[in-house]
């Protein structure tokens, strides 16, 4: 039987006041964080440690992960080398040749044959096609052939300290500590320089939210278990709103003159607006057909709502895209990425 102790009322009040003060300091994005960062990397680590304690992470976990942690200049260099916002849009045709290639298609088909029975169960449980799950895996890590070798704690702490996206990476560092608190071995915590890891390249917060124990051994091992990997990717898509039975989209030809100014969207997306700005407004497939936009395969019913995307401009292959295409964009908000995932999935299942 647990013993319950009652602290004196004055002591409880003092502790409450101190807790409120501590949380208010931690919440200040331009106050405590900037002061800690001004104290150097080790000073910023102490800020992260305090934030982790406030969110319930055990002291043992904080010590085991943060002991000896140093800044990684290579991570900062890689982050600063990332391209900024640009008005130029790469051609999809070239991207498709390198991402929907024979090696990825063949690899996906072999993985499907090796796990067909289990993948059928995944489809039934989560409502997400096996071909989409495999296409994500193939696109992210070439079916597990490369998952990254950067120490995740060091990378995330460095990116948070650098400050360009401090709030994002500070939260991901705390999520990484929570993973260890839940039993993920420290030795597993390696991945890309930007903090993604495992077969599906999840960030720590995503792992905490959607990772699944697909093989029933009590651990969601997205590093070494294919079953856990498949279940976790499928759960991500279900959580993001995948609609069972609806294709992601279909290639189409524009056979009549099309006034693209009239069909353009008037909506401004709060997330990656350049990506969504290239999509047309929604119409039924039947309405698109009446405008001369003809699907190359009968995968969508005339009643299906779809938007039009011409990734390489008028005169090139167009695509009619459903709401499930937007779910692929939730995984990585890039039209090049989402189109290549959809097309790779179709080739795997062909």
C-alpha atoms as a PDB file:
ATOM      1  CA  UNK A   1       0.000   0.000   0.000  1.00  0.00           C
ATOM      2  CA  UNK A   2       1.370   3.412  -0.957  1.00  0.00           C
ATOM      3  CA  UNK A   3       1.791   5.910   1.857  1.00  0.00           C
ATOM      4  CA  UNK A   4       0.382   9.391   1.157  1.00  0.00           C
ATOM      5  CA  UNK A   5       2.163  12.317   2.826  1.00  0.00           C
ATOM      6  CA  UNK A   6       0.567  15.718   3.351  1.00  0.00           C
ATOM      7  CA  UNK A   7       2.940  18.659   3.068  1.00  0.00           C
ATOM      8  CA  UNK A   8       2.308  21.762   5.171  1.00  0.00           C
ATOM      9  CA  UNK A   9       0.077  24.182   3.349  1.00  0.00           C
ATOM     10  CA  UNK A  10       2.757  26.892   3.265  1.00  0.00           C
ATOM     11  CA  UNK A  11       5.267  24.509   1.659  1.00  0.00           C
ATOM     12  CA  UNK A  12       2.718  23.510  -1.002  1.00  0.00           C
ATOM     13  CA  UNK A  13       2.117  27.189  -1.761  1.00  0.00           C
ATOM     14  CA  UNK A  14       5.846  27.873  -2.117  1.00  0.00           C
ATOM     15  CA  UNK A  15       6.247  24.925  -4.468  1.00  0.00           C
ATOM     16  CA  UNK A  16       3.282  26.049  -6.546  1.00  0.00           C
ATOM     17  CA  UNK A  17       4.675  29.574  -6.909  1.00  0.00           C
ATOM     18  CA  UNK A  18       8.113  28.244  -7.870  1.00  0.00           C
ATOM     19  CA  UNK A  19       6.590  25.896 -10.440  1.00  0.00           C
ATOM     20  CA  UNK A  20       4.583  28.702 -12.013  1.00  0.00           C
ATOM     21  CA  UNK A  21       7.659  30.927 -12.187  1.00  0.00           C
ATOM     22  CA  UNK A  22       9.718  28.143 -13.740  1.00  0.00           C
ATOM     23  CA  UNK A  23       7.109  27.399 -16.377  1.00  0.00           C
ATOM     24  CA  UNK A  24       6.740  31.078 -17.231  1.00  0.00           C
ATOM     25  CA  UNK A  25      10.494  31.308 -17.801  1.00  0.00           C
ATOM     26  CA  UNK A  26      10.471  28.205 -19.980  1.00  0.00           C
ATOM     27  CA  UNK A  27       7.561  29.496 -22.019  1.00  0.00           C
ATOM     28  CA  UNK A  28       9.267  32.722 -23.034  1.00  0.00           C
ATOM     29  CA  UNK A  29      10.593  32.096 -26.566  1.00  0.00           C
ATOM     30  CA  UNK A  30      12.726  35.236 -26.692  1.00  0.00           C
ATOM     31  CA  UNK A  31      13.630  35.367 -22.985  1.00  0.00           C
ATOM     32  CA  UNK A  32      14.944  32.300 -21.238  1.00  0.00           C
ATOM     33  CA  UNK A  33      15.884  30.504 -24.444  1.00  0.00           C
ATOM     34  CA  UNK A  34      17.921  33.423 -25.781  1.00  0.00           C
ATOM     35  CA  UNK A  35      19.604  33.957 -22.415  1.00  0.00           C
ATOM     36  CA  UNK A  36      20.507  30.283 -22.249  1.00  0.00           C
ATOM     37  CA  UNK A  37      21.799  30.312 -25.814  1.00  0.00           C
ATOM     38  CA  UNK A  38      23.920  33.344 -24.984  1.00  0.00           C
ATOM     39  CA  UNK A  39      25.642  31.159 -22.385  1.00  0.00           C
ATOM     40  CA  UNK A  40      26.942  28.874 -25.099  1.00  0.00           C
ATOM     41  CA  UNK A  41      25.935  25.371 -26.096  1.00  0.00           C
ATOM     42  CA  UNK A  42      26.324  23.925 -22.607  1.00  0.00           C
ATOM     43  CA  UNK A  43      24.219  26.727 -21.165  1.00  0.00           C
ATOM     44  CA  UNK A  44      21.504  26.011 -23.710  1.00  0.00           C
ATOM     45  CA  UNK A  45      21.612  22.315 -22.799  1.00  0.00           C
ATOM     46  CA  UNK A  46      20.763  23.291 -19.222  1.00  0.00           C
ATOM     47  CA  UNK A  47      17.733  25.153 -20.539  1.00  0.00           C
ATOM     48  CA  UNK A  48      16.643  22.049 -22.454  1.00  0.00           C
ATOM     49  CA  UNK A  49      17.195  19.922 -19.348  1.00  0.00           C
ATOM     50  CA  UNK A  50      14.989  22.228 -17.290  1.00  0.00           C
ATOM     51  CA  UNK A  51      12.307  22.172 -19.958  1.00  0.00           C
ATOM     52  CA  UNK A  52      12.446  18.368 -20.041  1.00  0.00           C
ATOM     53  CA  UNK A  53      12.058  18.150 -16.254  1.00  0.00           C
ATOM     54  CA  UNK A  54       9.044  20.446 -16.434  1.00  0.00           C
ATOM     55  CA  UNK A  55       7.499  18.028 -18.949  1.00  0.00           C
ATOM     56  CA  UNK A  56       8.031  15.031 -16.704  1.00  0.00           C
ATOM     57  CA  UNK A  57      11.181  13.483 -18.161  1.00  0.00           C
ATOM     58  CA  UNK A  58      13.105  11.496 -15.540  1.00  0.00           C
ATOM     59  CA  UNK A  59      16.435  12.857 -14.292  1.00  0.00           C
ATOM     60  CA  UNK A  60      18.119   9.553 -15.143  1.00  0.00           C
ATOM     61  CA  UNK A  61      17.041   9.902 -18.766  1.00  0.00           C
ATOM     62  CA  UNK A  62      18.239  13.506 -19.009  1.00  0.00           C
ATOM     63  CA  UNK A  63      21.636  12.545 -17.643  1.00  0.00           C
ATOM     64  CA  UNK A  64      22.044   9.483 -19.857  1.00  0.00           C
ATOM     65  CA  UNK A  65      21.242  11.356 -23.054  1.00  0.00           C
ATOM     66  CA  UNK A  66      22.898  14.703 -22.360  1.00  0.00           C
ATOM     67  CA  UNK A  67      26.091  13.557 -20.685  1.00  0.00           C
ATOM     68  CA  UNK A  68      29.065  14.574 -22.836  1.00  0.00           C
ATOM     69  CA  UNK A  69      26.852  16.091 -25.539  1.00  0.00           C
ATOM     70  CA  UNK A  70      28.692  18.580 -27.755  1.00  0.00           C
ATOM     71  CA  UNK A  71      27.733  20.834 -30.620  1.00  0.00           C
ATOM     72  CA  UNK A  72      28.062  19.346 -34.112  1.00  0.00           C
ATOM     73  CA  UNK A  73      29.487  21.883 -36.604  1.00  0.00           C
ATOM     74  CA  UNK A  74      28.769  19.506 -39.504  1.00  0.00           C
ATOM     75  CA  UNK A  75      25.029  19.655 -38.736  1.00  0.00           C
ATOM     76  CA  UNK A  76      25.072  23.463 -38.724  1.00  0.00           C
ATOM     77  CA  UNK A  77      26.898  23.510 -42.047  1.00  0.00           C
ATOM     78  CA  UNK A  78      24.383  21.121 -43.601  1.00  0.00           C
ATOM     79  CA  UNK A  79      21.445  23.138 -42.282  1.00  0.00           C
ATOM     80  CA  UNK A  80      22.811  26.414 -43.585  1.00  0.00           C
ATOM     81  CA  UNK A  81      23.443  24.853 -46.981  1.00  0.00           C
ATOM     82  CA  UNK A  82      19.736  24.109 -47.426  1.00  0.00           C
ATOM     83  CA  UNK A  83      18.174  26.035 -50.339  1.00  0.00           C
ATOM     84  CA  UNK A  84      15.993  28.965 -49.394  1.00  0.00           C
ATOM     85  CA  UNK A  85      12.694  30.054 -50.879  1.00  0.00           C
ATOM     86  CA  UNK A  86      12.932  30.233 -54.653  1.00  0.00           C
ATOM     87  CA  UNK A  87      10.494  31.153 -57.387  1.00  0.00           C
ATOM     88  CA  UNK A  88      11.990  28.522 -59.718  1.00  0.00           C
ATOM     89  CA  UNK A  89      10.380  25.079 -59.659  1.00  0.00           C
ATOM     90  CA  UNK A  90      12.418  22.015 -60.685  1.00  0.00           C
ATOM     91  CA  UNK A  91      11.027  19.929 -63.524  1.00  0.00           C
ATOM     92  CA  UNK A  92       9.155  16.851 -62.367  1.00  0.00           C
ATOM     93  CA  UNK A  93      10.219  14.762 -65.358  1.00  0.00           C
ATOM     94  CA  UNK A  94      13.853  14.641 -64.211  1.00  0.00           C
ATOM     95  CA  UNK A  95      12.916  14.036 -60.590  1.00  0.00           C
ATOM     96  CA  UNK A  96      10.660  11.182 -61.610  1.00  0.00           C
ATOM     97  CA  UNK A  97      13.444   9.452 -63.551  1.00  0.00           C
ATOM     98  CA  UNK A  98      15.642   9.288 -60.447  1.00  0.00           C
ATOM     99  CA  UNK A  99      12.924   8.452 -57.889  1.00  0.00           C
ATOM    100  CA  UNK A 100      10.558   6.178 -59.789  1.00  0.00           C
ATOM    101  CA  UNK A 101      13.359   4.129 -61.277  1.00  0.00           C
ATOM    102  CA  UNK A 102      13.739   0.422 -62.031  1.00  0.00           C
ATOM    103  CA  UNK A 103      15.698  -0.241 -58.830  1.00  0.00           C
ATOM    104  CA  UNK A 104      13.024   1.235 -56.549  1.00  0.00           C
ATOM    105  CA  UNK A 105      10.210  -0.408 -58.483  1.00  0.00           C
ATOM    106  CA  UNK A 106      11.904  -3.807 -58.396  1.00  0.00           C
ATOM    107  CA  UNK A 107      12.794  -3.409 -54.717  1.00  0.00           C
ATOM    108  CA  UNK A 108       9.208  -2.573 -53.845  1.00  0.00           C
ATOM    109  CA  UNK A 109       7.872  -5.583 -55.711  1.00  0.00           C
ATOM    110  CA  UNK A 110      10.332  -7.897 -53.930  1.00  0.00           C
ATOM    111  CA  UNK A 111       9.355  -6.461 -50.545  1.00  0.00           C
ATOM    112  CA  UNK A 112       5.696  -6.939 -51.407  1.00  0.00           C
ATOM    113  CA  UNK A 113       6.216 -10.603 -52.266  1.00  0.00           C
ATOM    114  CA  UNK A 114       8.231 -11.162 -49.094  1.00  0.00           C
ATOM    115  CA  UNK A 115       5.526  -9.704 -46.836  1.00  0.00           C
ATOM    116  CA  UNK A 116       2.309 -10.106 -48.843  1.00  0.00           C
ATOM    117  CA  UNK A 117       0.279 -11.789 -46.093  1.00  0.00           C
ATOM    118  CA  UNK A 118       1.231  -9.285 -43.440  1.00  0.00           C
ATOM    119  CA  UNK A 119       0.726  -6.324 -45.782  1.00  0.00           C
ATOM    120  CA  UNK A 120      -2.777  -7.568 -46.549  1.00  0.00           C
ATOM    121  CA  UNK A 121      -3.492  -7.411 -42.819  1.00  0.00           C
ATOM    122  CA  UNK A 122      -2.103  -3.874 -42.680  1.00  0.00           C
ATOM    123  CA  UNK A 123      -4.482  -2.785 -45.434  1.00  0.00           C
ATOM    124  CA  UNK A 124      -7.416  -4.310 -43.596  1.00  0.00           C
ATOM    125  CA  UNK A 125      -6.508  -2.818 -40.223  1.00  0.00           C
ATOM    126  CA  UNK A 126      -5.500   0.694 -41.262  1.00  0.00           C
ATOM    127  CA  UNK A 127      -7.262   1.150 -44.609  1.00  0.00           C
ATOM    128  CA  UNK A 128      -4.026   2.234 -46.298  1.00  0.00           C
ATOM    129  CA  UNK A 129      -2.845   0.387 -49.431  1.00  0.00           C
ATOM    130  CA  UNK A 130       0.284  -1.725 -49.080  1.00  0.00           C
ATOM    131  CA  UNK A 131       1.685  -0.128 -52.227  1.00  0.00           C
ATOM    132  CA  UNK A 132       1.599   3.313 -50.586  1.00  0.00           C
ATOM    133  CA  UNK A 133       3.315   2.006 -47.444  1.00  0.00           C
ATOM    134  CA  UNK A 134       6.043   0.394 -49.548  1.00  0.00           C
ATOM    135  CA  UNK A 135       6.457   3.484 -51.735  1.00  0.00           C
ATOM    136  CA  UNK A 136       7.056   5.649 -48.659  1.00  0.00           C
ATOM    137  CA  UNK A 137       9.616   3.184 -47.332  1.00  0.00           C
ATOM    138  CA  UNK A 138      11.306   2.984 -50.721  1.00  0.00           C
ATOM    139  CA  UNK A 139      11.344   6.730 -51.147  1.00  0.00           C
ATOM    140  CA  UNK A 140      12.610   7.538 -47.653  1.00  0.00           C
ATOM    141  CA  UNK A 141      15.388   4.974 -47.179  1.00  0.00           C
ATOM    142  CA  UNK A 142      15.430   2.741 -50.279  1.00  0.00           C
ATOM    143  CA  UNK A 143      13.782  -0.036 -48.255  1.00  0.00           C
ATOM    144  CA  UNK A 144      16.038   0.439 -45.252  1.00  0.00           C
ATOM    145  CA  UNK A 145      19.364   0.504 -47.081  1.00  0.00           C
ATOM    146  CA  UNK A 146      20.310   3.883 -45.559  1.00  0.00           C
ATOM    147  CA  UNK A 147      18.773   5.450 -42.460  1.00  0.00           C
ATOM    148  CA  UNK A 148      21.515   7.852 -41.317  1.00  0.00           C
ATOM    149  CA  UNK A 149      24.390   7.650 -38.858  1.00  0.00           C
ATOM    150  CA  UNK A 150      24.214  10.986 -37.038  1.00  0.00           C
ATOM    151  CA  UNK A 151      23.708  10.941 -33.265  1.00  0.00           C
ATOM    152  CA  UNK A 152      20.140  12.254 -32.988  1.00  0.00           C
ATOM    153  CA  UNK A 153      20.493  13.887 -29.581  1.00  0.00           C
ATOM    154  CA  UNK A 154      23.566  15.788 -30.720  1.00  0.00           C
ATOM    155  CA  UNK A 155      21.949  16.820 -34.019  1.00  0.00           C
ATOM    156  CA  UNK A 156      18.684  18.013 -32.487  1.00  0.00           C
ATOM    157  CA  UNK A 157      20.377  19.896 -29.655  1.00  0.00           C
ATOM    158  CA  UNK A 158      22.696  21.553 -32.185  1.00  0.00           C
ATOM    159  CA  UNK A 159      19.836  22.583 -34.471  1.00  0.00           C
ATOM    160  CA  UNK A 160      17.859  23.963 -31.531  1.00  0.00           C
ATOM    161  CA  UNK A 161      20.882  25.915 -30.288  1.00  0.00           C
ATOM    162  CA  UNK A 162      21.620  27.290 -33.761  1.00  0.00           C
ATOM    163  CA  UNK A 163      18.270  29.043 -33.568  1.00  0.00           C
ATOM    164  CA  UNK A 164      17.027  29.110 -37.156  1.00  0.00           C
ATOM    165  CA  UNK A 165      14.163  26.773 -36.223  1.00  0.00           C
ATOM    166  CA  UNK A 166      14.667  26.729 -32.470  1.00  0.00           C
ATOM    167  CA  UNK A 167      11.109  26.008 -31.345  1.00  0.00           C
ATOM    168  CA  UNK A 168      10.793  23.013 -33.695  1.00  0.00           C
ATOM    169  CA  UNK A 169      14.054  21.355 -32.748  1.00  0.00           C
ATOM    170  CA  UNK A 170      13.835  22.117 -29.035  1.00  0.00           C
ATOM    171  CA  UNK A 171      10.484  20.313 -28.983  1.00  0.00           C
ATOM    172  CA  UNK A 172      11.931  17.416 -30.993  1.00  0.00           C
ATOM    173  CA  UNK A 173      14.842  17.125 -28.558  1.00  0.00           C
ATOM    174  CA  UNK A 174      12.396  16.875 -25.641  1.00  0.00           C
ATOM    175  CA  UNK A 175      10.406  14.279 -27.603  1.00  0.00           C
ATOM    176  CA  UNK A 176      13.624  12.292 -28.069  1.00  0.00           C
ATOM    177  CA  UNK A 177      14.140  12.286 -24.301  1.00  0.00           C
ATOM    178  CA  UNK A 178      10.573  11.044 -23.861  1.00  0.00           C
ATOM    179  CA  UNK A 179      11.324   8.190 -26.260  1.00  0.00           C
ATOM    180  CA  UNK A 180      14.181   7.101 -24.004  1.00  0.00           C
ATOM    181  CA  UNK A 181      11.874   7.480 -21.005  1.00  0.00           C
ATOM    182  CA  UNK A 182       9.516   5.035 -22.726  1.00  0.00           C
ATOM    183  CA  UNK A 183      12.250   2.467 -23.183  1.00  0.00           C
ATOM    184  CA  UNK A 184      13.856   3.210 -26.560  1.00  0.00           C
ATOM    185  CA  UNK A 185      17.555   2.284 -26.196  1.00  0.00           C
ATOM    186  CA  UNK A 186      20.034   5.159 -26.519  1.00  0.00           C
ATOM    187  CA  UNK A 187      21.906   3.048 -29.085  1.00  0.00           C
ATOM    188  CA  UNK A 188      18.923   3.247 -31.447  1.00  0.00           C
ATOM    189  CA  UNK A 189      19.016   7.026 -31.590  1.00  0.00           C
ATOM    190  CA  UNK A 190      20.905   7.575 -34.827  1.00  0.00           C
ATOM    191  CA  UNK A 191      19.531   8.978 -38.060  1.00  0.00           C
ATOM    192  CA  UNK A 192      19.738  11.893 -40.462  1.00  0.00           C
ATOM    193  CA  UNK A 193      21.476  15.147 -39.635  1.00  0.00           C
ATOM    194  CA  UNK A 194      18.046  16.809 -39.474  1.00  0.00           C
ATOM    195  CA  UNK A 195      16.729  14.459 -36.777  1.00  0.00           C
ATOM    196  CA  UNK A 196      14.712  11.885 -38.768  1.00  0.00           C
ATOM    197  CA  UNK A 197      15.349   8.205 -38.143  1.00  0.00           C
ATOM    198  CA  UNK A 198      14.399   4.617 -38.814  1.00  0.00           C
ATOM    199  CA  UNK A 199      12.923   3.054 -41.922  1.00  0.00           C
ATOM    200  CA  UNK A 200      10.154   5.679 -42.300  1.00  0.00           C
ATOM    201  CA  UNK A 201      12.383   8.617 -41.209  1.00  0.00           C
ATOM    202  CA  UNK A 202      10.100   9.834 -38.441  1.00  0.00           C
ATOM    203  CA  UNK A 203      10.937  12.758 -36.198  1.00  0.00           C
ATOM    204  CA  UNK A 204      10.744  11.978 -32.449  1.00  0.00           C
ATOM    205  CA  UNK A 205       7.368  13.673 -31.994  1.00  0.00           C
ATOM    206  CA  UNK A 206       5.953  11.620 -34.874  1.00  0.00           C
ATOM    207  CA  UNK A 207       7.343   8.416 -33.374  1.00  0.00           C
ATOM    208  CA  UNK A 208       5.621   9.189 -30.060  1.00  0.00           C
ATOM    209  CA  UNK A 209       2.356   9.889 -31.855  1.00  0.00           C
ATOM    210  CA  UNK A 210       2.030   7.095 -34.417  1.00  0.00           C
ATOM    211  CA  UNK A 211       4.723   4.382 -34.062  1.00  0.00           C
ATOM    212  CA  UNK A 212       3.196   0.906 -33.804  1.00  0.00           C
ATOM    213  CA  UNK A 213       4.266  -2.456 -32.416  1.00  0.00           C
ATOM    214  CA  UNK A 214       3.318  -4.486 -35.463  1.00  0.00           C
ATOM    215  CA  UNK A 215       4.933  -7.775 -34.423  1.00  0.00           C
ATOM    216  CA  UNK A 216       3.635  -7.870 -30.858  1.00  0.00           C
ATOM    217  CA  UNK A 217       6.981  -7.915 -29.039  1.00  0.00           C
ATOM    218  CA  UNK A 218       6.156  -4.856 -26.940  1.00  0.00           C
ATOM    219  CA  UNK A 219       8.437  -2.410 -28.781  1.00  0.00           C
ATOM    220  CA  UNK A 220       7.740  -0.252 -31.841  1.00  0.00           C
ATOM    221  CA  UNK A 221      11.021  -0.985 -33.622  1.00  0.00           C
ATOM    222  CA  UNK A 222      10.928   1.102 -36.794  1.00  0.00           C
ATOM    223  CA  UNK A 223      14.686   0.564 -37.170  1.00  0.00           C
ATOM    224  CA  UNK A 224      14.843  -3.223 -37.588  1.00  0.00           C
ATOM    225  CA  UNK A 225      11.306  -4.634 -37.796  1.00  0.00           C
ATOM    226  CA  UNK A 226       9.550  -4.590 -41.163  1.00  0.00           C
ATOM    227  CA  UNK A 227       6.217  -5.289 -39.471  1.00  0.00           C
ATOM    228  CA  UNK A 228       6.610  -2.383 -37.080  1.00  0.00           C
ATOM    229  CA  UNK A 229       7.714  -0.180 -39.976  1.00  0.00           C
ATOM    230  CA  UNK A 230       4.703  -1.059 -42.133  1.00  0.00           C
ATOM    231  CA  UNK A 231       2.224  -0.639 -39.288  1.00  0.00           C
ATOM    232  CA  UNK A 232       3.756   2.703 -38.264  1.00  0.00           C
ATOM    233  CA  UNK A 233       3.664   4.185 -41.779  1.00  0.00           C
ATOM    234  CA  UNK A 234       0.094   2.984 -42.256  1.00  0.00           C
ATOM    235  CA  UNK A 235      -0.901   4.467 -38.890  1.00  0.00           C
ATOM    236  CA  UNK A 236       0.645   7.792 -39.901  1.00  0.00           C
ATOM    237  CA  UNK A 237      -1.487   7.860 -43.038  1.00  0.00           C
ATOM    238  CA  UNK A 238      -4.645   6.847 -41.206  1.00  0.00           C
ATOM    239  CA  UNK A 239      -3.977   9.520 -38.589  1.00  0.00           C
ATOM    240  CA  UNK A 240      -3.478  12.104 -41.365  1.00  0.00           C
ATOM    241  CA  UNK A 241      -6.889  11.315 -42.858  1.00  0.00           C
ATOM    242  CA  UNK A 242      -6.356   8.717 -45.592  1.00  0.00           C
ATOM    243  CA  UNK A 243      -9.686   7.697 -47.120  1.00  0.00           C
ATOM    244  CA  UNK A 244      -9.823   3.932 -47.794  1.00  0.00           C
ATOM    245  CA  UNK A 245     -10.673   2.907 -51.316  1.00  0.00           C
ATOM    246  CA  UNK A 246      -9.795   6.244 -52.937  1.00  0.00           C
ATOM    247  CA  UNK A 247      -6.743   6.412 -55.252  1.00  0.00           C
ATOM    248  CA  UNK A 248      -4.250   9.235 -54.776  1.00  0.00           C
ATOM    249  CA  UNK A 249      -4.795  10.481 -58.324  1.00  0.00           C
ATOM    250  CA  UNK A 250      -4.285   9.692 -61.991  1.00  0.00           C
ATOM    251  CA  UNK A 251      -2.284  11.033 -64.932  1.00  0.00           C
ATOM    252  CA  UNK A 252      -4.403  12.977 -67.426  1.00  0.00           C
ATOM    253  CA  UNK A 253      -4.226  14.748 -70.772  1.00  0.00           C
ATOM    254  CA  UNK A 254      -5.615  18.223 -71.433  1.00  0.00           C
ATOM    255  CA  UNK A 255      -7.302  17.774 -74.798  1.00  0.00           C
ATOM    256  CA  UNK A 256      -9.148  21.116 -75.102  1.00  0.00           C
ATOM    257  CA  UNK A 257      -8.090  24.744 -74.577  1.00  0.00           C
ATOM    258  CA  UNK A 258      -8.197  25.378 -70.828  1.00  0.00           C
ATOM    259  CA  UNK A 259      -8.503  28.796 -69.189  1.00  0.00           C
ATOM    260  CA  UNK A 260      -6.135  28.202 -66.278  1.00  0.00           C
ATOM    261  CA  UNK A 261      -6.867  31.577 -64.725  1.00  0.00           C
ATOM    262  CA  UNK A 262     -10.501  30.555 -64.241  1.00  0.00           C
ATOM    263  CA  UNK A 263      -9.714  27.181 -62.634  1.00  0.00           C
ATOM    264  CA  UNK A 264      -6.986  28.520 -60.342  1.00  0.00           C
ATOM    265  CA  UNK A 265      -7.495  28.282 -56.601  1.00  0.00           C
ATOM    266  CA  UNK A 266      -8.270  31.380 -54.582  1.00  0.00           C
ATOM    267  CA  UNK A 267      -7.330  29.706 -51.298  1.00  0.00           C
ATOM    268  CA  UNK A 268      -4.052  30.433 -49.519  1.00  0.00           C
ATOM    269  CA  UNK A 269      -2.672  27.487 -47.586  1.00  0.00           C
ATOM    270  CA  UNK A 270      -1.078  28.293 -44.208  1.00  0.00           C
ATOM    271  CA  UNK A 271       1.364  25.401 -44.753  1.00  0.00           C
ATOM    272  CA  UNK A 272       3.877  25.324 -47.653  1.00  0.00           C
ATOM    273  CA  UNK A 273       1.748  27.777 -49.703  1.00  0.00           C
ATOM    274  CA  UNK A 274       3.930  27.470 -52.831  1.00  0.00           C
ATOM    275  CA  UNK A 275       3.069  23.767 -53.055  1.00  0.00           C
ATOM    276  CA  UNK A 276      -0.681  24.175 -52.745  1.00  0.00           C
ATOM    277  CA  UNK A 277      -0.816  27.304 -54.898  1.00  0.00           C
ATOM    278  CA  UNK A 278       0.016  25.130 -57.921  1.00  0.00           C
ATOM    279  CA  UNK A 279      -3.174  23.084 -57.478  1.00  0.00           C
ATOM    280  CA  UNK A 280      -6.390  24.144 -59.170  1.00  0.00           C
ATOM    281  CA  UNK A 281      -9.721  24.506 -57.442  1.00  0.00           C
ATOM    282  CA  UNK A 282     -11.702  21.322 -56.757  1.00  0.00           C
ATOM    283  CA  UNK A 283     -14.038  19.872 -59.381  1.00  0.00           C
ATOM    284  CA  UNK A 284     -15.534  16.450 -59.919  1.00  0.00           C
ATOM    285  CA  UNK A 285     -13.749  14.178 -62.379  1.00  0.00           C
ATOM    286  CA  UNK A 286     -16.872  14.411 -64.537  1.00  0.00           C
ATOM    287  CA  UNK A 287     -16.546  18.191 -64.642  1.00  0.00           C
ATOM    288  CA  UNK A 288     -12.860  17.899 -65.570  1.00  0.00           C
ATOM    289  CA  UNK A 289     -13.749  15.543 -68.417  1.00  0.00           C
ATOM    290  CA  UNK A 290     -16.257  18.081 -69.720  1.00  0.00           C
ATOM    291  CA  UNK A 291     -13.412  20.625 -69.773  1.00  0.00           C
ATOM    292  CA  UNK A 292     -11.271  18.252 -71.819  1.00  0.00           C
ATOM    293  CA  UNK A 293      -9.097  16.889 -68.993  1.00  0.00           C
ATOM    294  CA  UNK A 294      -9.116  13.157 -69.737  1.00  0.00           C
ATOM    295  CA  UNK A 295      -7.735  10.619 -67.216  1.00  0.00           C
ATOM    296  CA  UNK A 296      -5.378   8.053 -68.712  1.00  0.00           C
ATOM    297  CA  UNK A 297      -6.847   5.269 -66.566  1.00  0.00           C
ATOM    298  CA  UNK A 298     -10.360   4.706 -65.171  1.00  0.00           C
ATOM    299  CA  UNK A 299      -9.214   4.746 -61.546  1.00  0.00           C
ATOM    300  CA  UNK A 300     -11.400   7.661 -60.421  1.00  0.00           C
ATOM    301  CA  UNK A 301     -15.186   7.766 -60.607  1.00  0.00           C
ATOM    302  CA  UNK A 302     -16.868  10.763 -62.223  1.00  0.00           C
ATOM    303  CA  UNK A 303     -18.129  11.810 -58.775  1.00  0.00           C
ATOM    304  CA  UNK A 304     -14.651  11.947 -57.206  1.00  0.00           C
ATOM    305  CA  UNK A 305     -13.490  15.428 -56.257  1.00  0.00           C
ATOM    306  CA  UNK A 306     -10.092  16.255 -57.725  1.00  0.00           C
ATOM    307  CA  UNK A 307      -7.741  19.151 -58.311  1.00  0.00           C
ATOM    308  CA  UNK A 308      -5.560  19.606 -61.379  1.00  0.00           C
ATOM    309  CA  UNK A 309      -1.777  19.843 -61.268  1.00  0.00           C
ATOM    310  CA  UNK A 310       0.465  20.364 -64.298  1.00  0.00           C
ATOM    311  CA  UNK A 311       3.901  19.926 -62.712  1.00  0.00           C
ATOM    312  CA  UNK A 312       5.861  20.717 -65.886  1.00  0.00           C
ATOM    313  CA  UNK A 313       3.402  23.216 -67.307  1.00  0.00           C
ATOM    314  CA  UNK A 314       0.796  23.142 -70.100  1.00  0.00           C
ATOM    315  CA  UNK A 315       1.371  20.607 -72.827  1.00  0.00           C
ATOM    316  CA  UNK A 316       3.006  18.100 -70.487  1.00  0.00           C
ATOM    317  CA  UNK A 317       1.458  15.303 -68.411  1.00  0.00           C
ATOM    318  CA  UNK A 318      -1.193  16.607 -66.021  1.00  0.00           C
ATOM    319  CA  UNK A 319      -2.566  14.916 -62.907  1.00  0.00           C
ATOM    320  CA  UNK A 320      -5.993  14.824 -61.280  1.00  0.00           C
ATOM    321  CA  UNK A 321      -5.371  14.595 -57.539  1.00  0.00           C
ATOM    322  CA  UNK A 322      -7.713  13.506 -54.755  1.00  0.00           C
ATOM    323  CA  UNK A 323      -7.774  14.286 -51.066  1.00  0.00           C
ATOM    324  CA  UNK A 324      -5.470  11.317 -50.464  1.00  0.00           C
ATOM    325  CA  UNK A 325      -2.743  13.095 -52.421  1.00  0.00           C
ATOM    326  CA  UNK A 326      -2.923  15.781 -49.737  1.00  0.00           C
ATOM    327  CA  UNK A 327      -2.243  13.064 -47.161  1.00  0.00           C
ATOM    328  CA  UNK A 328       0.988  12.169 -48.967  1.00  0.00           C
ATOM    329  CA  UNK A 329       1.867  15.875 -48.854  1.00  0.00           C
ATOM    330  CA  UNK A 330       1.368  15.726 -45.099  1.00  0.00           C
ATOM    331  CA  UNK A 331       4.304  13.304 -44.969  1.00  0.00           C
ATOM    332  CA  UNK A 332       6.500  15.605 -47.047  1.00  0.00           C
ATOM    333  CA  UNK A 333       5.062  18.833 -48.431  1.00  0.00           C
ATOM    334  CA  UNK A 334       6.503  18.688 -51.926  1.00  0.00           C
ATOM    335  CA  UNK A 335       4.633  18.042 -55.153  1.00  0.00           C
ATOM    336  CA  UNK A 336       7.698  16.312 -56.590  1.00  0.00           C
ATOM    337  CA  UNK A 337       7.808  13.990 -53.585  1.00  0.00           C
ATOM    338  CA  UNK A 338       4.085  13.254 -53.436  1.00  0.00           C
ATOM    339  CA  UNK A 339       3.738  12.603 -57.165  1.00  0.00           C
ATOM    340  CA  UNK A 340       6.737  10.279 -57.187  1.00  0.00           C
ATOM    341  CA  UNK A 341       5.385   8.353 -54.174  1.00  0.00           C
ATOM    342  CA  UNK A 342       2.023   7.888 -55.891  1.00  0.00           C
ATOM    343  CA  UNK A 343       3.587   6.807 -59.163  1.00  0.00           C
ATOM    344  CA  UNK A 344       6.057   4.462 -57.435  1.00  0.00           C
ATOM    345  CA  UNK A 345       3.165   2.888 -55.533  1.00  0.00           C
ATOM    346  CA  UNK A 346       1.282   2.271 -58.762  1.00  0.00           C
ATOM    347  CA  UNK A 347       4.347   0.695 -60.380  1.00  0.00           C
ATOM    348  CA  UNK A 348       4.937  -1.583 -57.380  1.00  0.00           C
ATOM    349  CA  UNK A 349       1.373  -2.865 -57.632  1.00  0.00           C
ATOM    350  CA  UNK A 350       1.417  -3.211 -61.426  1.00  0.00           C
END
